[in-house]
Amino acid sequence: MTTLEGPAQRLTVIVGEDDRVGHRPLYTEIVHRAHAAGLIGASVFRGIEGFGATGMVHTNRLLDLSEDLPVTVVMVDTAERIGALLPQLEEIVGDGLVLLEDVRVVHHAGQPAP
């Protein structure tokens, strides 16, 4: 298992839940590409409410049920690995927001895959 400590980068991609690459959800495609690129990990978080460039508010409240809620994919790894993934994201992320931040990993531990 690879661990990461010290200087790193956090790559955050915010897209719509209904965004697609072919027949696959965009957030799923991002996770699979991050995995194939050897990143240490990626997590997807589904928003309960938000708005973006269109200005339309999407919410999960029952009366205003939306099918296109915001979805955030967060990845943290070395600048080299994150940088190698960025061109792929530029190809597949149309509407959305891609953020890149320098971070410091204080603790990273996990169990090896079975």
C-alpha atoms as a PDB file:
ATOM      1  CA  MET A   1       0.000   0.000   0.000  1.00  0.00           C
ATOM      2  CA  THR A   2       1.225   3.476  -0.845  1.00  0.00           C
ATOM      3  CA  THR A   3       0.933   6.204   1.757  1.00  0.00           C
ATOM      4  CA  LEU A   4       1.209   9.935   1.325  1.00  0.00           C
ATOM      5  CA  GLU A   5       2.512  12.520   3.772  1.00  0.00           C
ATOM      6  CA  GLY A   6       3.683  16.087   3.376  1.00  0.00           C
ATOM      7  CA  PRO A   7       3.141  18.332   0.344  1.00  0.00           C
ATOM      8  CA  ALA A   8       0.414  17.177  -2.026  1.00  0.00           C
ATOM      9  CA  GLN A   9      -2.386  18.514  -4.209  1.00  0.00           C
ATOM     10  CA  ARG A  10      -6.152  18.267  -3.858  1.00  0.00           C
ATOM     11  CA  LEU A  11      -8.100  18.045  -7.093  1.00  0.00           C
ATOM     12  CA  THR A  12     -11.808  18.807  -6.730  1.00  0.00           C
ATOM     13  CA  VAL A  13     -14.244  18.412  -9.604  1.00  0.00           C
ATOM     14  CA  ILE A  14     -17.835  19.635  -9.254  1.00  0.00           C
ATOM     15  CA  VAL A  15     -20.297  18.456 -11.900  1.00  0.00           C
ATOM     16  CA  GLY A  16     -23.970  17.636 -12.229  1.00  0.00           C
ATOM     17  CA  GLU A  17     -25.299  14.256 -11.225  1.00  0.00           C
ATOM     18  CA  ASP A  18     -26.823  13.797 -14.688  1.00  0.00           C
ATOM     19  CA  ASP A  19     -23.603  14.638 -16.614  1.00  0.00           C
ATOM     20  CA  ARG A  20     -22.457  11.701 -18.729  1.00  0.00           C
ATOM     21  CA  VAL A  21     -19.531  10.352 -20.715  1.00  0.00           C
ATOM     22  CA  GLY A  22     -21.207   7.995 -23.144  1.00  0.00           C
ATOM     23  CA  HIS A  23     -23.579   5.899 -21.034  1.00  0.00           C
ATOM     24  CA  ARG A  24     -21.581   6.281 -17.808  1.00  0.00           C
ATOM     25  CA  PRO A  25     -22.047   9.027 -15.192  1.00  0.00           C
ATOM     26  CA  LEU A  26     -19.245  11.599 -15.448  1.00  0.00           C
ATOM     27  CA  TYR A  27     -18.337  11.252 -11.770  1.00  0.00           C
ATOM     28  CA  THR A  28     -17.894   7.489 -12.252  1.00  0.00           C
ATOM     29  CA  GLU A  29     -15.685   8.074 -15.281  1.00  0.00           C
ATOM     30  CA  ILE A  30     -13.535  10.491 -13.265  1.00  0.00           C
ATOM     31  CA  VAL A  31     -13.090   7.942 -10.450  1.00  0.00           C
ATOM     32  CA  HIS A  32     -12.173   5.173 -12.891  1.00  0.00           C
ATOM     33  CA  ARG A  33      -9.657   7.387 -14.697  1.00  0.00           C
ATOM     34  CA  ALA A  34      -8.124   8.438 -11.359  1.00  0.00           C
ATOM     35  CA  HIS A  35      -7.800   4.767 -10.409  1.00  0.00           C
ATOM     36  CA  ALA A  36      -6.229   3.882 -13.760  1.00  0.00           C
ATOM     37  CA  ALA A  37      -3.791   6.815 -13.353  1.00  0.00           C
ATOM     38  CA  GLY A  38      -2.590   5.327 -10.057  1.00  0.00           C
ATOM     39  CA  LEU A  39      -3.952   7.985  -7.725  1.00  0.00           C
ATOM     40  CA  ILE A  40      -4.109   6.994  -4.073  1.00  0.00           C
ATOM     41  CA  GLY A  41      -7.856   7.528  -3.864  1.00  0.00           C
ATOM     42  CA  ALA A  42     -10.959   9.398  -4.948  1.00  0.00           C
ATOM     43  CA  SER A  43     -14.249  10.074  -3.171  1.00  0.00           C
ATOM     44  CA  VAL A  44     -17.591  11.200  -4.566  1.00  0.00           C
ATOM     45  CA  PHE A  45     -19.979  13.362  -2.557  1.00  0.00           C
ATOM     46  CA  ARG A  46     -23.565  14.048  -3.623  1.00  0.00           C
ATOM     47  CA  GLY A  47     -24.840  17.511  -2.800  1.00  0.00           C
ATOM     48  CA  ILE A  48     -28.278  18.141  -1.377  1.00  0.00           C
ATOM     49  CA  GLU A  49     -28.621  21.595  -2.881  1.00  0.00           C
ATOM     50  CA  GLY A  50     -26.631  23.983  -5.035  1.00  0.00           C
ATOM     51  CA  PHE A  51     -26.381  26.139  -8.130  1.00  0.00           C
ATOM     52  CA  GLY A  52     -23.713  26.752 -10.723  1.00  0.00           C
ATOM     53  CA  ALA A  53     -23.045  28.737 -13.866  1.00  0.00           C
ATOM     54  CA  THR A  54     -26.661  28.525 -15.054  1.00  0.00           C
ATOM     55  CA  GLY A  55     -27.941  30.107 -11.848  1.00  0.00           C
ATOM     56  CA  MET A  56     -30.608  27.402 -11.480  1.00  0.00           C
ATOM     57  CA  VAL A  57     -30.935  26.067  -7.926  1.00  0.00           C
ATOM     58  CA  HIS A  58     -31.050  22.267  -7.706  1.00  0.00           C
ATOM     59  CA  THR A  59     -32.341  20.711  -4.502  1.00  0.00           C
ATOM     60  CA  ASN A  60     -33.411  17.356  -3.104  1.00  0.00           C
ATOM     61  CA  ARG A  61     -36.354  18.791  -1.166  1.00  0.00           C
ATOM     62  CA  LEU A  62     -39.449  16.744  -1.884  1.00  0.00           C
ATOM     63  CA  LEU A  63     -41.512  19.584  -3.386  1.00  0.00           C
ATOM     64  CA  ASP A  64     -38.680  20.699  -5.658  1.00  0.00           C
ATOM     65  CA  LEU A  65     -37.150  17.280  -6.386  1.00  0.00           C
ATOM     66  CA  SER A  66     -34.237  17.674  -8.757  1.00  0.00           C
ATOM     67  CA  GLU A  67     -32.529  14.949 -10.711  1.00  0.00           C
ATOM     68  CA  ASP A  68     -29.383  16.944 -11.424  1.00  0.00           C
ATOM     69  CA  LEU A  69     -27.900  17.572  -7.993  1.00  0.00           C
ATOM     70  CA  PRO A  70     -24.279  18.714  -7.610  1.00  0.00           C
ATOM     71  CA  VAL A  71     -21.687  15.965  -7.302  1.00  0.00           C
ATOM     72  CA  THR A  72     -18.143  16.565  -6.055  1.00  0.00           C
ATOM     73  CA  VAL A  73     -15.205  14.261  -6.749  1.00  0.00           C
ATOM     74  CA  VAL A  74     -12.218  14.847  -4.448  1.00  0.00           C
ATOM     75  CA  MET A  75      -8.756  13.392  -5.052  1.00  0.00           C
ATOM     76  CA  VAL A  76      -5.492  13.984  -3.155  1.00  0.00           C
ATOM     77  CA  ASP A  77      -2.105  12.838  -4.385  1.00  0.00           C
ATOM     78  CA  THR A  78       1.309  14.090  -5.468  1.00  0.00           C
ATOM     79  CA  ALA A  79       1.489  17.042  -7.853  1.00  0.00           C
ATOM     80  CA  GLU A  80       2.976  14.722 -10.490  1.00  0.00           C
ATOM     81  CA  ARG A  81       0.098  12.206 -10.431  1.00  0.00           C
ATOM     82  CA  ILE A  82      -2.580  14.902 -10.264  1.00  0.00           C
ATOM     83  CA  GLY A  83      -0.918  16.788 -13.128  1.00  0.00           C
ATOM     84  CA  ALA A  84      -0.941  13.656 -15.275  1.00  0.00           C
ATOM     85  CA  LEU A  85      -4.714  13.302 -14.780  1.00  0.00           C
ATOM     86  CA  LEU A  86      -5.627  16.926 -15.596  1.00  0.00           C
ATOM     87  CA  PRO A  87      -5.480  16.625 -19.421  1.00  0.00           C
ATOM     88  CA  GLN A  88      -7.935  13.716 -19.270  1.00  0.00           C
ATOM     89  CA  LEU A  89     -10.345  15.786 -17.185  1.00  0.00           C
ATOM     90  CA  GLU A  90     -10.113  18.669 -19.644  1.00  0.00           C
ATOM     91  CA  GLU A  91     -11.348  16.242 -22.329  1.00  0.00           C
ATOM     92  CA  ILE A  92     -14.408  14.993 -20.428  1.00  0.00           C
ATOM     93  CA  VAL A  93     -15.551  17.798 -18.103  1.00  0.00           C
ATOM     94  CA  GLY A  94     -17.759  20.188 -20.057  1.00  0.00           C
ATOM     95  CA  ASP A  95     -20.042  22.019 -17.664  1.00  0.00           C
ATOM     96  CA  GLY A  96     -18.466  21.960 -14.251  1.00  0.00           C
ATOM     97  CA  LEU A  97     -15.729  23.323 -12.037  1.00  0.00           C
ATOM     98  CA  VAL A  98     -12.216  21.919 -11.618  1.00  0.00           C
ATOM     99  CA  LEU A  99     -10.181  23.171  -8.640  1.00  0.00           C
ATOM    100  CA  LEU A 100      -6.540  22.478  -7.846  1.00  0.00           C
ATOM    101  CA  GLU A 101      -5.074  23.314  -4.444  1.00  0.00           C
ATOM    102  CA  ASP A 102      -1.748  22.746  -2.738  1.00  0.00           C
ATOM    103  CA  VAL A 103      -2.278  20.897   0.540  1.00  0.00           C
ATOM    104  CA  ARG A 104      -0.247  19.211   3.243  1.00  0.00           C
ATOM    105  CA  VAL A 105      -1.153  15.649   4.192  1.00  0.00           C
ATOM    106  CA  VAL A 106      -0.857  15.254   7.944  1.00  0.00           C
ATOM    107  CA  HIS A 107      -2.085  11.668   8.221  1.00  0.00           C
ATOM    108  CA  HIS A 108      -2.813   8.987   5.635  1.00  0.00           C
ATOM    109  CA  ALA A 109      -3.263   5.357   6.577  1.00  0.00           C
ATOM    110  CA  GLY A 110      -5.342   2.455   5.425  1.00  0.00           C
ATOM    111  CA  GLN A 111      -5.417  -1.266   5.009  1.00  0.00           C
ATOM    112  CA  PRO A 112      -4.038  -2.950   1.893  1.00  0.00           C
ATOM    113  CA  ALA A 113      -6.584  -4.241  -0.587  1.00  0.00           C
ATOM    114  CA  PRO A 114      -7.402  -7.951  -0.222  1.00  0.00           C
END
